[in-house]
C-alpha atoms as a PDB file:
ATOM      1  CA  MET A   1       0.000   0.000   0.000  1.00  0.00           C
ATOM      2  CA  ILE A   2       1.171   3.536  -0.791  1.00  0.00           C
ATOM      3  CA  SER A   3       1.102   5.612   2.375  1.00  0.00           C
ATOM      4  CA  ASP A   4       0.102   9.230   2.850  1.00  0.00           C
ATOM      5  CA  GLU A   5       3.672   9.890   4.026  1.00  0.00           C
ATOM      6  CA  MET A   6       4.916   9.150   0.524  1.00  0.00           C
ATOM      7  CA  ALA A   7       2.072  11.196  -0.939  1.00  0.00           C
ATOM      8  CA  THR A   8       3.075  14.331   0.969  1.00  0.00           C
ATOM      9  CA  VAL A   9       6.786  14.443   0.143  1.00  0.00           C
ATOM     10  CA  ASN A  10       7.676  17.834  -1.395  1.00  0.00           C
ATOM     11  CA  SER A  11       4.029  18.639  -2.038  1.00  0.00           C
ATOM     12  CA  GLY A  12       1.229  20.767  -0.708  1.00  0.00           C
ATOM     13  CA  VAL A  13      -1.935  19.395   0.807  1.00  0.00           C
ATOM     14  CA  SER A  14      -3.813  19.055  -2.475  1.00  0.00           C
ATOM     15  CA  GLU A  15      -1.020  18.759  -5.050  1.00  0.00           C
ATOM     16  CA  LYS A  16      -0.448  15.548  -6.921  1.00  0.00           C
ATOM     17  CA  VAL A  17       2.764  13.605  -6.357  1.00  0.00           C
ATOM     18  CA  THR A  18       4.606  12.267  -9.391  1.00  0.00           C
ATOM     19  CA  LEU A  19       6.019   8.751  -9.027  1.00  0.00           C
ATOM     20  CA  ALA A  20       7.861   6.066 -10.957  1.00  0.00           C
ATOM     21  CA  LEU A  21       7.165   2.395 -10.327  1.00  0.00           C
ATOM     22  CA  PHE A  22      10.071  -0.041 -10.708  1.00  0.00           C
ATOM     23  CA  GLY A  23       8.835  -3.546 -11.508  1.00  0.00           C
ATOM     24  CA  VAL A  24       5.338  -4.848 -12.096  1.00  0.00           C
ATOM     25  CA  GLY A  25       5.575  -8.519 -11.200  1.00  0.00           C
ATOM     26  CA  ARG A  26       3.587 -10.257  -8.470  1.00  0.00           C
ATOM     27  CA  ILE A  27       3.907  -7.550  -5.817  1.00  0.00           C
ATOM     28  CA  GLY A  28       4.428  -4.680  -8.242  1.00  0.00           C
ATOM     29  CA  SER A  29       0.963  -5.276  -9.695  1.00  0.00           C
ATOM     30  CA  VAL A  30      -0.492  -4.994  -6.176  1.00  0.00           C
ATOM     31  CA  HIS A  31       1.164  -1.612  -5.624  1.00  0.00           C
ATOM     32  CA  LEU A  32       0.130  -0.510  -9.114  1.00  0.00           C
ATOM     33  CA  LYS A  33      -3.529  -1.013  -8.158  1.00  0.00           C
ATOM     34  CA  SER A  34      -3.017   1.160  -5.061  1.00  0.00           C
ATOM     35  CA  ILE A  35      -1.303   3.837  -7.140  1.00  0.00           C
ATOM     36  CA  ALA A  36      -4.140   3.814  -9.686  1.00  0.00           C
ATOM     37  CA  ARG A  37      -6.735   4.287  -6.925  1.00  0.00           C
ATOM     38  CA  HIS A  38      -4.905   7.092  -5.120  1.00  0.00           C
ATOM     39  CA  PRO A  39      -6.338  10.465  -6.204  1.00  0.00           C
ATOM     40  CA  ARG A  40      -3.140  12.363  -5.433  1.00  0.00           C
ATOM     41  CA  ILE A  41      -0.645  10.183  -7.274  1.00  0.00           C
ATOM     42  CA  HIS A  42       0.428  10.684 -10.876  1.00  0.00           C
ATOM     43  CA  LEU A  43       2.367   7.702 -12.221  1.00  0.00           C
ATOM     44  CA  LYS A  44       4.717   9.001 -14.909  1.00  0.00           C
ATOM     45  CA  TYR A  45       6.993   6.000 -15.492  1.00  0.00           C
ATOM     46  CA  LEU A  46       6.812   2.242 -15.217  1.00  0.00           C
ATOM     47  CA  VAL A  47      10.289   0.688 -15.310  1.00  0.00           C
ATOM     48  CA  GLU A  48       9.927  -2.897 -16.525  1.00  0.00           C
ATOM     49  CA  GLU A  49      11.841  -5.174 -18.889  1.00  0.00           C
ATOM     50  CA  ALA A  50       8.741  -7.132 -19.956  1.00  0.00           C
ATOM     51  CA  VAL A  51       6.997  -4.489 -22.085  1.00  0.00           C
ATOM     52  CA  ASP A  52       3.922  -6.597 -22.872  1.00  0.00           C
ATOM     53  CA  LEU A  53       3.459  -7.341 -19.164  1.00  0.00           C
ATOM     54  CA  ALA A  54       3.768  -3.628 -18.361  1.00  0.00           C
ATOM     55  CA  LYS A  55       1.225  -2.673 -21.030  1.00  0.00           C
ATOM     56  CA  LYS A  56      -1.267  -5.243 -19.778  1.00  0.00           C
ATOM     57  CA  ALA A  57      -0.796  -4.171 -16.150  1.00  0.00           C
ATOM     58  CA  LEU A  58      -1.439  -0.523 -16.996  1.00  0.00           C
ATOM     59  CA  ASN A  59      -4.442  -1.422 -19.111  1.00  0.00           C
ATOM     60  CA  ASP A  60      -5.892  -3.599 -16.322  1.00  0.00           C
ATOM     61  CA  VAL A  61      -5.928  -0.649 -13.887  1.00  0.00           C
ATOM     62  CA  GLY A  62      -6.986   1.905 -16.484  1.00  0.00           C
ATOM     63  CA  LEU A  63      -3.836   4.057 -16.389  1.00  0.00           C
ATOM     64  CA  GLU A  64      -2.898   5.949 -19.538  1.00  0.00           C
ATOM     65  CA  HIS A  65      -0.026   8.206 -20.564  1.00  0.00           C
ATOM     66  CA  VAL A  66       2.508   6.256 -18.492  1.00  0.00           C
ATOM     67  CA  SER A  67       5.932   5.856 -20.122  1.00  0.00           C
ATOM     68  CA  ILE A  68       7.287   2.303 -20.069  1.00  0.00           C
ATOM     69  CA  VAL A  69      11.056   2.303 -19.701  1.00  0.00           C
ATOM     70  CA  ASN A  70      13.487  -0.615 -19.495  1.00  0.00           C
ATOM     71  CA  PHE A  71      16.346  -0.649 -17.008  1.00  0.00           C
ATOM     72  CA  LYS A  72      18.868   0.546 -19.569  1.00  0.00           C
ATOM     73  CA  GLY A  73      16.889   3.775 -19.775  1.00  0.00           C
ATOM     74  CA  VAL A  74      16.538   4.264 -16.033  1.00  0.00           C
ATOM     75  CA  SER A  75      18.656   7.439 -16.129  1.00  0.00           C
ATOM     76  CA  GLN A  76      15.779   9.112 -17.985  1.00  0.00           C
ATOM     77  CA  VAL A  77      13.550   8.442 -14.985  1.00  0.00           C
ATOM     78  CA  LEU A  78      16.033   9.438 -12.291  1.00  0.00           C
ATOM     79  CA  GLU A  79      17.075  12.630 -14.086  1.00  0.00           C
ATOM     80  CA  ASP A  80      13.459  13.751 -14.481  1.00  0.00           C
ATOM     81  CA  LYS A  81      13.055  16.469 -11.840  1.00  0.00           C
ATOM     82  CA  SER A  82       9.267  16.167 -11.923  1.00  0.00           C
ATOM     83  CA  VAL A  83       9.531  12.682 -10.392  1.00  0.00           C
ATOM     84  CA  GLN A  84       9.385  13.084  -6.620  1.00  0.00           C
ATOM     85  CA  GLY A  85       9.438   9.471  -5.535  1.00  0.00           C
ATOM     86  CA  VAL A  86       9.892   5.892  -6.689  1.00  0.00           C
ATOM     87  CA  VAL A  87       8.242   2.647  -5.654  1.00  0.00           C
ATOM     88  CA  VAL A  88      10.666  -0.289  -5.823  1.00  0.00           C
ATOM     89  CA  CYS A  89       9.149  -3.711  -6.586  1.00  0.00           C
ATOM     90  CA  THR A  90      12.047  -5.298  -8.445  1.00  0.00           C
ATOM     91  CA  PRO A  91      13.710  -8.592  -7.376  1.00  0.00           C
ATOM     92  CA  THR A  92      15.335  -8.456  -3.929  1.00  0.00           C
ATOM     93  CA  SER A  93      18.842  -8.768  -5.374  1.00  0.00           C
ATOM     94  CA  THR A  94      18.376  -5.418  -7.193  1.00  0.00           C
ATOM     95  CA  HIS A  95      16.890  -3.411  -4.321  1.00  0.00           C
ATOM     96  CA  GLN A  96      20.085  -1.889  -2.947  1.00  0.00           C
ATOM     97  CA  LYS A  97      21.196  -0.557  -6.321  1.00  0.00           C
ATOM     98  CA  VAL A  98      17.788   0.858  -7.279  1.00  0.00           C
ATOM     99  CA  VAL A  99      17.171   2.370  -3.832  1.00  0.00           C
ATOM    100  CA  THR A 100      20.540   4.112  -3.547  1.00  0.00           C
ATOM    101  CA  GLN A 101      20.450   5.375  -7.139  1.00  0.00           C
ATOM    102  CA  ALA A 102      16.992   6.843  -6.599  1.00  0.00           C
ATOM    103  CA  LEU A 103      17.935   8.492  -3.308  1.00  0.00           C
ATOM    104  CA  ARG A 104      21.085  10.036  -4.789  1.00  0.00           C
ATOM    105  CA  ALA A 105      18.933  11.353  -7.625  1.00  0.00           C
ATOM    106  CA  GLY A 106      16.819  13.206  -5.062  1.00  0.00           C
ATOM    107  CA  LYS A 107      13.806  10.878  -4.993  1.00  0.00           C
ATOM    108  CA  ALA A 108      11.906   9.672  -1.951  1.00  0.00           C
ATOM    109  CA  VAL A 109      11.756   5.858  -1.943  1.00  0.00           C
ATOM    110  CA  PHE A 110       9.106   3.321  -0.982  1.00  0.00           C
ATOM    111  CA  CYS A 111      10.704  -0.131  -1.203  1.00  0.00           C
ATOM    112  CA  GLU A 112       9.012  -3.477  -1.074  1.00  0.00           C
ATOM    113  CA  LYS A 113      10.506  -5.634   1.654  1.00  0.00           C
ATOM    114  CA  PRO A 114      13.272  -6.441   2.194  1.00  0.00           C
ATOM    115  CA  VAL A 115      15.163  -3.215   1.532  1.00  0.00           C
ATOM    116  CA  ALA A 116      18.206  -5.301   0.629  1.00  0.00           C
ATOM    117  CA  HIS A 117      19.449  -8.880   0.541  1.00  0.00           C
ATOM    118  CA  ASN A 118      21.423  -8.634   3.805  1.00  0.00           C
ATOM    119  CA  SER A 119      21.705  -6.373   6.859  1.00  0.00           C
ATOM    120  CA  GLU A 120      24.891  -4.632   5.697  1.00  0.00           C
ATOM    121  CA  ALA A 121      23.290  -3.638   2.404  1.00  0.00           C
ATOM    122  CA  ALA A 122      20.125  -2.481   4.189  1.00  0.00           C
ATOM    123  CA  ASP A 123      22.201  -0.336   6.566  1.00  0.00           C
ATOM    124  CA  GLU A 124      23.899   1.233   3.550  1.00  0.00           C
ATOM    125  CA  CYS A 125      20.514   2.097   2.020  1.00  0.00           C
ATOM    126  CA  TYR A 126      19.359   3.894   5.166  1.00  0.00           C
ATOM    127  CA  LYS A 127      22.725   5.612   5.511  1.00  0.00           C
ATOM    128  CA  VAL A 128      22.302   7.051   2.007  1.00  0.00           C
ATOM    129  CA  ALA A 129      18.743   8.114   2.875  1.00  0.00           C
ATOM    130  CA  GLU A 130      20.030  10.010   5.912  1.00  0.00           C
ATOM    131  CA  GLU A 131      22.803  11.632   3.886  1.00  0.00           C
ATOM    132  CA  CYS A 132      20.295  12.710   1.240  1.00  0.00           C
ATOM    133  CA  LYS A 133      17.735  13.759   3.879  1.00  0.00           C
ATOM    134  CA  LEU A 134      15.025  11.794   2.089  1.00  0.00           C
ATOM    135  CA  PRO A 135      12.511   9.210   3.337  1.00  0.00           C
ATOM    136  CA  LEU A 136      13.136   5.532   2.703  1.00  0.00           C
ATOM    137  CA  LEU A 137      10.009   3.553   3.592  1.00  0.00           C
ATOM    138  CA  CYS A 138       9.883  -0.238   3.794  1.00  0.00           C
ATOM    139  CA  ALA A 139       6.674  -2.134   3.075  1.00  0.00           C
ATOM    140  CA  PHE A 140       5.886  -3.808   6.396  1.00  0.00           C
ATOM    141  CA  HIS A 141       2.168  -3.568   5.740  1.00  0.00           C
ATOM    142  CA  LYS A 142       1.053  -5.786   8.625  1.00  0.00           C
ATOM    143  CA  ARG A 143       1.741  -2.974  11.089  1.00  0.00           C
ATOM    144  CA  PHE A 144      -1.073  -1.049   9.409  1.00  0.00           C
ATOM    145  CA  ASP A 145      -3.625  -3.854   9.562  1.00  0.00           C
ATOM    146  CA  PRO A 146      -6.233  -2.583  12.092  1.00  0.00           C
ATOM    147  CA  THR A 147      -6.291  -5.815  14.104  1.00  0.00           C
ATOM    148  CA  PHE A 148      -2.524  -6.297  14.226  1.00  0.00           C
ATOM    149  CA  GLY A 149      -2.047  -2.571  14.865  1.00  0.00           C
ATOM    150  CA  ALA A 150      -4.411  -2.703  17.843  1.00  0.00           C
ATOM    151  CA  ILE A 151      -2.496  -5.622  19.368  1.00  0.00           C
ATOM    152  CA  ILE A 152       0.823  -3.826  18.861  1.00  0.00           C
ATOM    153  CA  LYS A 153      -0.505  -0.669  20.545  1.00  0.00           C
ATOM    154  CA  ARG A 154      -1.983  -2.529  23.502  1.00  0.00           C
ATOM    155  CA  SER A 155       1.259  -4.483  23.922  1.00  0.00           C
ATOM    156  CA  ARG A 156       3.501  -1.411  23.777  1.00  0.00           C
ATOM    157  CA  ASP A 157       1.207   0.570  26.084  1.00  0.00           C
ATOM    158  CA  GLY A 158       1.525  -2.169  28.726  1.00  0.00           C
ATOM    159  CA  GLU A 159      -2.217  -2.751  28.705  1.00  0.00           C
ATOM    160  CA  ILE A 160      -2.002  -6.533  28.440  1.00  0.00           C
ATOM    161  CA  GLY A 161       0.911  -7.043  30.839  1.00  0.00           C
ATOM    162  CA  GLN A 162       4.240  -8.829  30.561  1.00  0.00           C
ATOM    163  CA  ILE A 163       4.486 -10.691  27.275  1.00  0.00           C
ATOM    164  CA  ARG A 164       5.761 -14.230  27.701  1.00  0.00           C
ATOM    165  CA  TYR A 165       5.207 -15.713  24.269  1.00  0.00           C
ATOM    166  CA  ILE A 166       4.198 -14.693  20.747  1.00  0.00           C
ATOM    167  CA  LYS A 167       3.068 -17.104  18.062  1.00  0.00           C
ATOM    168  CA  THR A 168       2.507 -16.075  14.470  1.00  0.00           C
ATOM    169  CA  THR A 169       1.164 -18.026  11.523  1.00  0.00           C
ATOM    170  CA  LEU A 170       1.952 -17.015   7.966  1.00  0.00           C
ATOM    171  CA  ARG A 171       0.533 -19.285   5.291  1.00  0.00           C
ATOM    172  CA  ASP A 172       0.366 -18.119   1.708  1.00  0.00           C
ATOM    173  CA  THR A 173      -0.157 -19.959  -1.554  1.00  0.00           C
ATOM    174  CA  MET A 174       2.348 -19.686  -4.355  1.00  0.00           C
ATOM    175  CA  ASP A 175       2.765 -21.771  -7.464  1.00  0.00           C
ATOM    176  CA  PRO A 176       6.114 -23.567  -6.887  1.00  0.00           C
ATOM    177  CA  SER A 177       6.848 -23.149 -10.601  1.00  0.00           C
ATOM    178  CA  PHE A 178       6.478 -19.345 -10.335  1.00  0.00           C
ATOM    179  CA  PRO A 179       9.448 -18.061 -12.407  1.00  0.00           C
ATOM    180  CA  GLY A 180      10.335 -15.281  -9.969  1.00  0.00           C
ATOM    181  CA  LEU A 181      10.471 -17.501  -6.898  1.00  0.00           C
ATOM    182  CA  SER A 182      14.254 -17.765  -6.950  1.00  0.00           C
ATOM    183  CA  THR A 183      14.563 -13.949  -6.818  1.00  0.00           C
ATOM    184  CA  LEU A 184      12.566 -13.501  -3.585  1.00  0.00           C
ATOM    185  CA  GLY A 185      15.450 -14.229  -1.232  1.00  0.00           C
ATOM    186  CA  GLY A 186      14.192 -17.473   0.272  1.00  0.00           C
ATOM    187  CA  CYS A 187      11.434 -18.443   2.671  1.00  0.00           C
ATOM    188  CA  PHE A 188      12.892 -16.715   5.738  1.00  0.00           C
ATOM    189  CA  LEU A 189      13.756 -13.455   3.994  1.00  0.00           C
ATOM    190  CA  ASP A 190      10.558 -13.294   1.956  1.00  0.00           C
ATOM    191  CA  LEU A 191       8.010 -14.554   4.510  1.00  0.00           C
ATOM    192  CA  ALA A 192       9.401 -14.633   8.045  1.00  0.00           C
ATOM    193  CA  LEU A 193      10.617 -11.039   8.214  1.00  0.00           C
ATOM    194  CA  HIS A 194       7.015  -9.746   8.247  1.00  0.00           C
ATOM    195  CA  ASP A 195       6.304 -11.643  11.439  1.00  0.00           C
ATOM    196  CA  VAL A 196       9.716 -10.941  12.940  1.00  0.00           C
ATOM    197  CA  ASP A 197       8.751  -7.294  12.523  1.00  0.00           C
ATOM    198  CA  LEU A 198       5.388  -7.936  14.223  1.00  0.00           C
ATOM    199  CA  ALA A 199       7.004  -9.702  17.179  1.00  0.00           C
ATOM    200  CA  CYS A 200       9.590  -6.949  17.633  1.00  0.00           C
ATOM    201  CA  ALA A 201       6.885  -4.278  17.382  1.00  0.00           C
ATOM    202  CA  CYS A 202       4.785  -5.980  20.070  1.00  0.00           C
ATOM    203  CA  ILE A 203       7.622  -6.626  22.504  1.00  0.00           C
ATOM    204  CA  GLY A 204       9.572  -3.443  21.805  1.00  0.00           C
ATOM    205  CA  GLU A 205      12.855  -5.352  21.640  1.00  0.00           C
ATOM    206  CA  PHE A 206      15.069  -7.094  19.130  1.00  0.00           C
ATOM    207  CA  PRO A 207      15.829 -10.821  19.590  1.00  0.00           C
ATOM    208  CA  THR A 208      19.097 -11.947  21.099  1.00  0.00           C
ATOM    209  CA  THR A 209      18.930 -15.487  19.709  1.00  0.00           C
ATOM    210  CA  VAL A 210      17.312 -16.798  16.532  1.00  0.00           C
ATOM    211  CA  SER A 211      17.060 -20.348  15.209  1.00  0.00           C
ATOM    212  CA  GLY A 212      15.059 -21.984  12.462  1.00  0.00           C
ATOM    213  CA  ASP A 213      14.584 -24.930  10.179  1.00  0.00           C
ATOM    214  CA  GLY A 214      12.424 -25.987   7.267  1.00  0.00           C
ATOM    215  CA  HIS A 215      11.808 -28.416   4.461  1.00  0.00           C
ATOM    216  CA  ALA A 216      10.979 -28.283   0.758  1.00  0.00           C
ATOM    217  CA  PHE A 217       8.116 -30.597  -0.145  1.00  0.00           C
ATOM    218  CA  ALA A 218       7.785 -29.161  -3.677  1.00  0.00           C
ATOM    219  CA  LYS A 219      10.541 -30.217  -6.057  1.00  0.00           C
ATOM    220  CA  ASP A 220      10.643 -26.833  -7.817  1.00  0.00           C
ATOM    221  CA  ILE A 221      11.271 -25.132  -4.491  1.00  0.00           C
ATOM    222  CA  GLU A 222      13.850 -27.743  -3.507  1.00  0.00           C
ATOM    223  CA  LYS A 223      15.724 -26.959  -6.743  1.00  0.00           C
ATOM    224  CA  ASN A 224      16.038 -23.361  -5.548  1.00  0.00           C
ATOM    225  CA  LYS A 225      17.518 -24.626  -2.248  1.00  0.00           C
ATOM    226  CA  ASP A 226      14.589 -23.053  -0.435  1.00  0.00           C
ATOM    227  CA  PHE A 227      11.840 -24.234   1.936  1.00  0.00           C
ATOM    228  CA  ASP A 228       8.072 -24.275   1.517  1.00  0.00           C
ATOM    229  CA  GLN A 229       7.424 -25.116   5.180  1.00  0.00           C
ATOM    230  CA  ALA A 230       9.528 -23.540   7.915  1.00  0.00           C
ATOM    231  CA  ILE A 231       9.647 -22.410  11.510  1.00  0.00           C
ATOM    232  CA  ALA A 232      11.702 -19.772  13.331  1.00  0.00           C
ATOM    233  CA  ASN A 233      12.255 -19.397  17.074  1.00  0.00           C
ATOM    234  CA  LEU A 234      13.261 -16.114  18.723  1.00  0.00           C
ATOM    235  CA  LYS A 235      14.249 -15.139  22.265  1.00  0.00           C
ATOM    236  CA  PHE A 236      14.210 -11.523  23.472  1.00  0.00           C
ATOM    237  CA  PRO A 237      16.167  -9.715  26.230  1.00  0.00           C
ATOM    238  CA  SER A 238      13.088  -9.665  28.495  1.00  0.00           C
ATOM    239  CA  GLY A 239      12.869 -13.445  28.264  1.00  0.00           C
ATOM    240  CA  ALA A 240       9.894 -13.423  25.916  1.00  0.00           C
ATOM    241  CA  LEU A 241       9.835 -16.121  23.253  1.00  0.00           C
ATOM    242  CA  ALA A 242       8.349 -16.108  19.759  1.00  0.00           C
ATOM    243  CA  THR A 243       7.574 -18.828  17.247  1.00  0.00           C
ATOM    244  CA  ILE A 244       6.982 -18.005  13.593  1.00  0.00           C
ATOM    245  CA  GLU A 245       5.384 -20.731  11.493  1.00  0.00           C
ATOM    246  CA  MET A 246       5.299 -20.150   7.742  1.00  0.00           C
ATOM    247  CA  SER A 247       4.258 -22.031   4.640  1.00  0.00           C
ATOM    248  CA  ARG A 248       4.128 -21.494   0.880  1.00  0.00           C
ATOM    249  CA  PHE A 249       0.969 -23.610   0.735  1.00  0.00           C
ATOM    250  CA  CYS A 250      -2.468 -22.925   2.164  1.00  0.00           C
ATOM    251  CA  ASN A 251      -5.234 -24.960   0.557  1.00  0.00           C
ATOM    252  CA  TYR A 252      -8.003 -22.975   2.263  1.00  0.00           C
ATOM    253  CA  GLY A 253      -6.808 -19.473   1.305  1.00  0.00           C
ATOM    254  CA  TYR A 254      -4.587 -16.967   3.079  1.00  0.00           C
ATOM    255  CA  ASP A 255      -3.879 -17.510   6.776  1.00  0.00           C
ATOM    256  CA  GLN A 256      -2.269 -14.790   8.895  1.00  0.00           C
ATOM    257  CA  ARG A 257      -2.461 -14.946  12.709  1.00  0.00           C
ATOM    258  CA  LEU A 258      -0.862 -13.245  15.697  1.00  0.00           C
ATOM    259  CA  GLU A 259      -1.196 -14.592  19.231  1.00  0.00           C
ATOM    260  CA  VAL A 260       0.249 -12.743  22.243  1.00  0.00           C
ATOM    261  CA  TRP A 261       0.437 -14.687  25.529  1.00  0.00           C
ATOM    262  CA  ILE A 262       1.019 -13.198  28.972  1.00  0.00           C
END
């Protein structure tokens, strides 16, 4: 989802904000729908190698007069002073480069999670954002879910007492033959970090110990040296524990749960 914080960068209350969207794959198409619905956003560029895919995506949401640019022509986008921000939905391995280039070009950045493929690269992205005095927002959308947000607030306000244990469930369904699966960074980086963020937000601490394991039941996922069923265990300085259970398969739909025990 595109936040109002992005929509107010370098703009007045009622002015439109001009953006460029990088990537329109699985998650990029989700953000494109949000952009198309937002009355204060003008999408000027869509940066995508697959031109036919980009044309179809724009047509599906009813957006016209959007320039489709491949990555070789990205300088055209970044040098355009009318572009105030970019939304990054490219493969994880490209995030650091796209994010830092956009920031150094004077653009605010909204990046799909994770910001980078490892913690050192992520730190570098935020360091550049600070140097450029520009916002770098990461898409941890679960914080903004009303039910999860209420639990986080009650936990941080001390309303529910000392937290002893947090259990999260994250079950999604993805075709194991999905061609972009190998670019997502693996089960833990692609799925678990959402719920790690939730646990940290509830407890107000970062874990001191982390362990995990998983298994690939689907052969296509096994070929990528990834898991489709996994679990992560966290322990926090206060003594609180957290278990994150995640799966690439959910026959009954989309299952997201957060339990906080005291």
